Protein backbone atom coordinates (compact mmCIF):
# COMPACT_ATOMS: atom_id res chain seq x y z
CA MET A 1 -121.23 -181.74 8.30
CA HIS A 2 -118.38 -179.67 8.22
CA SER A 3 -116.61 -178.64 4.67
CA THR A 4 -113.13 -177.15 3.36
CA LEU A 5 -112.66 -175.50 -0.10
CA ILE A 6 -108.92 -175.46 -0.89
CA VAL A 7 -107.71 -173.21 -3.56
CA ALA A 8 -104.56 -173.66 -5.87
CA ARG A 9 -103.90 -173.33 -9.68
CA MET A 10 -103.83 -176.33 -11.69
CA HIS A 11 -101.47 -176.74 -14.71
CA PRO A 12 -103.59 -177.26 -18.20
CA GLY A 13 -104.39 -180.48 -18.87
CA SER A 14 -104.24 -181.79 -15.93
CA GLY A 15 -107.99 -182.74 -14.81
CA GLU A 16 -107.70 -186.23 -15.56
CA ASP A 17 -104.80 -187.09 -13.68
CA VAL A 18 -105.54 -185.34 -10.66
CA ALA A 19 -108.74 -186.91 -10.98
CA ARG A 20 -107.22 -190.39 -11.29
CA LEU A 21 -104.70 -189.74 -8.31
CA PHE A 22 -107.83 -188.97 -6.15
CA GLY A 23 -109.88 -191.89 -7.33
CA ASP A 24 -106.90 -194.12 -6.37
CA PHE A 25 -106.58 -192.18 -3.04
CA ASP A 26 -110.51 -192.60 -2.40
CA ARG A 27 -110.35 -196.46 -2.88
CA THR A 28 -107.63 -196.60 0.19
CA GLU A 29 -109.18 -196.59 3.75
CA MET A 30 -107.82 -192.76 4.18
CA PRO A 31 -110.82 -191.04 3.21
CA HIS A 32 -112.51 -192.90 6.40
CA LEU A 33 -109.41 -192.38 8.77
CA MET A 34 -109.69 -188.71 7.74
CA GLY A 35 -113.77 -188.34 8.23
CA THR A 36 -114.19 -187.56 4.41
CA ARG A 37 -117.73 -188.19 3.41
CA ARG A 38 -117.47 -186.35 -0.25
CA ARG A 39 -114.51 -184.89 -2.34
CA GLN A 40 -115.63 -182.83 -5.29
CA LEU A 41 -112.72 -181.22 -7.73
CA PHE A 42 -113.61 -178.25 -10.21
CA HIS A 43 -111.36 -176.26 -12.03
CA TYR A 44 -111.74 -172.66 -13.65
CA ARG A 45 -109.55 -170.60 -15.90
CA GLY A 46 -106.54 -172.28 -14.47
CA LEU A 47 -108.02 -172.30 -10.83
CA TYR A 48 -108.38 -175.75 -8.76
CA PHE A 49 -111.15 -176.08 -6.28
CA HIS A 50 -111.02 -179.18 -3.64
CA LEU A 51 -114.06 -179.00 -1.79
CA GLN A 52 -114.19 -181.89 0.86
CA ASP A 53 -116.95 -182.59 3.27
CA PHE A 54 -116.13 -184.29 6.41
CA ASP A 55 -118.24 -186.04 9.15
CA ALA A 56 -118.06 -183.44 11.68
CA ASP A 57 -115.43 -180.54 12.39
CA ASN A 58 -113.18 -181.99 14.90
CA GLY A 59 -110.68 -179.18 15.09
CA GLY A 60 -108.56 -181.42 12.11
CA THR A 61 -107.27 -184.18 14.46
CA ARG A 62 -108.04 -186.45 12.08
CA ILE A 63 -106.44 -184.88 9.39
CA GLU A 64 -103.44 -184.28 11.29
CA GLN A 65 -103.11 -187.64 12.03
CA ALA A 66 -103.58 -188.87 8.55
CA ARG A 67 -101.00 -186.27 7.00
CA ASN A 68 -98.36 -188.62 8.70
CA ASP A 69 -99.50 -191.60 6.92
CA GLU A 70 -97.59 -192.66 3.77
CA ARG A 71 -100.48 -192.64 1.20
CA PHE A 72 -101.26 -188.91 2.11
CA ILE A 73 -97.18 -188.16 1.66
CA ARG A 74 -97.51 -190.01 -1.60
CA ILE A 75 -100.63 -188.18 -2.72
CA SER A 76 -99.22 -184.86 -1.87
CA GLU A 77 -95.84 -185.35 -3.95
CA ASP A 78 -98.06 -186.92 -6.65
CA LEU A 79 -99.90 -183.95 -7.08
CA LYS A 80 -97.06 -181.59 -7.32
CA PRO A 81 -96.56 -181.69 -11.07
CA HIS A 82 -100.09 -180.56 -11.43
CA ILE A 83 -101.10 -178.36 -8.52
CA GLU A 84 -99.33 -175.41 -7.16
CA ALA A 85 -100.10 -172.82 -4.60
CA TYR A 86 -102.19 -170.20 -5.33
CA ASP A 87 -99.80 -167.97 -3.65
CA PRO A 88 -96.48 -169.83 -3.22
CA ALA A 89 -94.89 -166.96 -1.04
CA THR A 90 -97.10 -167.48 1.68
CA TRP A 91 -98.12 -171.43 1.29
CA ARG A 92 -96.74 -173.90 4.35
CA SER A 93 -99.51 -176.12 4.63
CA PRO A 94 -103.16 -176.78 3.14
CA ALA A 95 -104.31 -174.58 5.80
CA ASP A 96 -102.73 -171.44 3.88
CA ALA A 97 -105.09 -172.35 0.88
CA MET A 98 -108.39 -172.96 2.63
CA ALA A 99 -111.04 -170.31 1.56
CA THR A 100 -112.97 -168.90 4.20
CA ARG A 101 -116.59 -169.02 4.25
CA PHE A 102 -118.65 -165.98 4.66
CA TYR A 103 -122.23 -166.89 3.78
CA ASP A 104 -124.09 -170.05 4.23
CA TRP A 105 -127.59 -171.41 3.61
CA GLU A 106 -129.73 -174.62 3.87
CA ALA A 107 -132.91 -175.55 2.95
CA GLY A 108 -135.04 -176.13 5.53
CA ALA A 109 -136.34 -179.51 6.98
């Protein structure tokens, strides 16, 4: 499994709206098309954390293909009133907001 963590800023009081938008999105076939196995959203003191687990690290090919889907484009637009880039000066795509893992541990089988 491959995970990504996107860090951004979330407007106060937007949690319910953001959860609703992703709930609607996740009821479509889009998670399957992207290979998403699990999505978790967190907030802390104005920050937004979007943790997504995928079937496998496929170089982002499935996500890149999904980015052209109208549902992906629509949720990106619908989130704009609620979520903004952590650093707008450097943000060009979600890849610019992804945290870098520097430690990983799993319980033994």
